[in-house]
Amino acid sequence: PSKFVIFDLPPTLLVDDVLVAAEYLDSLLLVATEGETKKEELKRAVGLLEPHNLLGVVLNRSGESGNGGYYDYYYGED
């Protein structure tokens, strides 16, 4: 598809809205907040969403500072 529509839905484990909406959506991304989302809650949410074409998990509010994932390589460097 050439266009995307993103829906910001409530937390998966608090209400059933996400599971209802998932029936009508092509795919889902789950957002986890560093320092707030508990590991067991994340596993449970992933388990609920996997049957609905869960594309992956986005880590939000990460405090980790780094080099942007370039692993000490730079654009244009041979």
C-alpha atoms as a PDB file:
ATOM      1  CA  PRO A   1       0.000   0.000   0.000  1.00  0.00           C
ATOM      2  CA  SER A   2       1.158   3.529  -0.705  1.00  0.00           C
ATOM      3  CA  LYS A   3      -0.545   5.083   2.325  1.00  0.00           C
ATOM      4  CA  PHE A   4      -0.609   4.196   5.993  1.00  0.00           C
ATOM      5  CA  VAL A   5      -3.054   5.089   8.741  1.00  0.00           C
ATOM      6  CA  ILE A   6      -1.750   4.818  12.298  1.00  0.00           C
ATOM      7  CA  PHE A   7      -4.164   4.323  15.182  1.00  0.00           C
ATOM      8  CA  ASP A   8      -2.980   5.155  18.702  1.00  0.00           C
ATOM      9  CA  LEU A   9      -4.913   2.624  20.766  1.00  0.00           C
ATOM     10  CA  PRO A  10      -5.141   2.259  24.563  1.00  0.00           C
ATOM     11  CA  PRO A  11      -2.863  -0.136  26.479  1.00  0.00           C
ATOM     12  CA  THR A  12      -3.453  -3.723  25.365  1.00  0.00           C
ATOM     13  CA  LEU A  13      -3.832  -5.221  28.831  1.00  0.00           C
ATOM     14  CA  LEU A  14      -6.185  -2.555  30.233  1.00  0.00           C
ATOM     15  CA  VAL A  15      -9.096  -2.725  27.791  1.00  0.00           C
ATOM     16  CA  ASP A  16     -10.332  -4.978  24.975  1.00  0.00           C
ATOM     17  CA  ASP A  17     -10.367  -2.150  22.412  1.00  0.00           C
ATOM     18  CA  VAL A  18      -7.074  -3.252  20.853  1.00  0.00           C
ATOM     19  CA  LEU A  19      -8.235  -6.824  20.289  1.00  0.00           C
ATOM     20  CA  VAL A  20     -11.506  -5.612  18.769  1.00  0.00           C
ATOM     21  CA  ALA A  21      -9.706  -3.145  16.479  1.00  0.00           C
ATOM     22  CA  ALA A  22      -7.097  -5.772  15.541  1.00  0.00           C
ATOM     23  CA  GLU A  23      -9.789  -7.704  13.683  1.00  0.00           C
ATOM     24  CA  TYR A  24     -10.034  -4.803  11.213  1.00  0.00           C
ATOM     25  CA  LEU A  25      -6.361  -3.803  10.925  1.00  0.00           C
ATOM     26  CA  ASP A  26      -3.724  -5.216   8.582  1.00  0.00           C
ATOM     27  CA  SER A  27      -0.974  -5.240  11.201  1.00  0.00           C
ATOM     28  CA  LEU A  28       0.030  -3.956  14.627  1.00  0.00           C
ATOM     29  CA  LEU A  29       3.033  -2.441  16.384  1.00  0.00           C
ATOM     30  CA  LEU A  30       3.277  -2.686  20.157  1.00  0.00           C
ATOM     31  CA  VAL A  31       4.863   0.200  22.078  1.00  0.00           C
ATOM     32  CA  ALA A  32       6.684  -0.573  25.338  1.00  0.00           C
ATOM     33  CA  THR A  33       7.987   2.166  27.634  1.00  0.00           C
ATOM     34  CA  GLU A  34      11.428   1.642  29.103  1.00  0.00           C
ATOM     35  CA  GLY A  35      11.337   1.535  32.889  1.00  0.00           C
ATOM     36  CA  GLU A  36       7.527   1.212  32.991  1.00  0.00           C
ATOM     37  CA  THR A  37       6.537  -1.828  30.956  1.00  0.00           C
ATOM     38  CA  LYS A  38       7.158  -4.977  32.967  1.00  0.00           C
ATOM     39  CA  LYS A  39       8.695  -7.966  31.187  1.00  0.00           C
ATOM     40  CA  GLU A  40       5.798 -10.292  32.026  1.00  0.00           C
ATOM     41  CA  GLU A  41       3.232  -7.728  30.844  1.00  0.00           C
ATOM     42  CA  LEU A  42       5.124  -7.335  27.576  1.00  0.00           C
ATOM     43  CA  LYS A  43       5.191 -11.105  27.042  1.00  0.00           C
ATOM     44  CA  ARG A  44       1.464 -11.311  27.749  1.00  0.00           C
ATOM     45  CA  ALA A  45       0.635  -8.452  25.361  1.00  0.00           C
ATOM     46  CA  VAL A  46       2.804  -9.964  22.617  1.00  0.00           C
ATOM     47  CA  GLY A  47       1.014 -13.283  23.103  1.00  0.00           C
ATOM     48  CA  LEU A  48      -2.368 -11.600  22.681  1.00  0.00           C
ATOM     49  CA  LEU A  49      -1.338  -9.646  19.582  1.00  0.00           C
ATOM     50  CA  GLU A  50       0.759 -12.212  17.695  1.00  0.00           C
ATOM     51  CA  PRO A  51      -2.291 -13.854  16.075  1.00  0.00           C
ATOM     52  CA  HIS A  52      -3.196 -10.424  14.637  1.00  0.00           C
ATOM     53  CA  ASN A  53      -0.030  -9.875  12.549  1.00  0.00           C
ATOM     54  CA  LEU A  54       2.114  -8.161  15.177  1.00  0.00           C
ATOM     55  CA  LEU A  55       5.028  -6.622  13.261  1.00  0.00           C
ATOM     56  CA  GLY A  56       7.170  -5.928  16.314  1.00  0.00           C
ATOM     57  CA  VAL A  57       7.726  -3.929  19.478  1.00  0.00           C
ATOM     58  CA  VAL A  58       8.866  -0.299  19.636  1.00  0.00           C
ATOM     59  CA  LEU A  59      10.850   0.750  22.729  1.00  0.00           C
ATOM     60  CA  ASN A  60       9.667   4.206  23.751  1.00  0.00           C
ATOM     61  CA  ARG A  61      11.428   6.706  26.031  1.00  0.00           C
ATOM     62  CA  SER A  62      14.689   4.810  25.990  1.00  0.00           C
ATOM     63  CA  GLY A  63      17.335   6.499  28.092  1.00  0.00           C
ATOM     64  CA  GLU A  64      20.184   4.678  26.368  1.00  0.00           C
ATOM     65  CA  SER A  65      22.473   7.081  24.593  1.00  0.00           C
ATOM     66  CA  GLY A  66      24.552   5.750  21.760  1.00  0.00           C
ATOM     67  CA  ASN A  67      25.814   6.277  18.275  1.00  0.00           C
ATOM     68  CA  GLY A  68      22.465   5.772  16.571  1.00  0.00           C
ATOM     69  CA  GLY A  69      23.095   2.173  15.661  1.00  0.00           C
ATOM     70  CA  TYR A  70      25.919   2.798  13.214  1.00  0.00           C
ATOM     71  CA  TYR A  71      28.425   0.732  15.217  1.00  0.00           C
ATOM     72  CA  ASP A  72      31.281   3.208  14.698  1.00  0.00           C
ATOM     73  CA  TYR A  73      30.786   3.327  10.932  1.00  0.00           C
ATOM     74  CA  TYR A  74      30.093   6.607   9.193  1.00  0.00           C
ATOM     75  CA  TYR A  75      28.294   7.452   6.001  1.00  0.00           C
ATOM     76  CA  GLY A  76      30.702   7.914   3.131  1.00  0.00           C
ATOM     77  CA  GLU A  77      33.550   6.113   4.870  1.00  0.00           C
ATOM     78  CA  ASP A  78      35.189   3.435   2.705  1.00  0.00           C
END
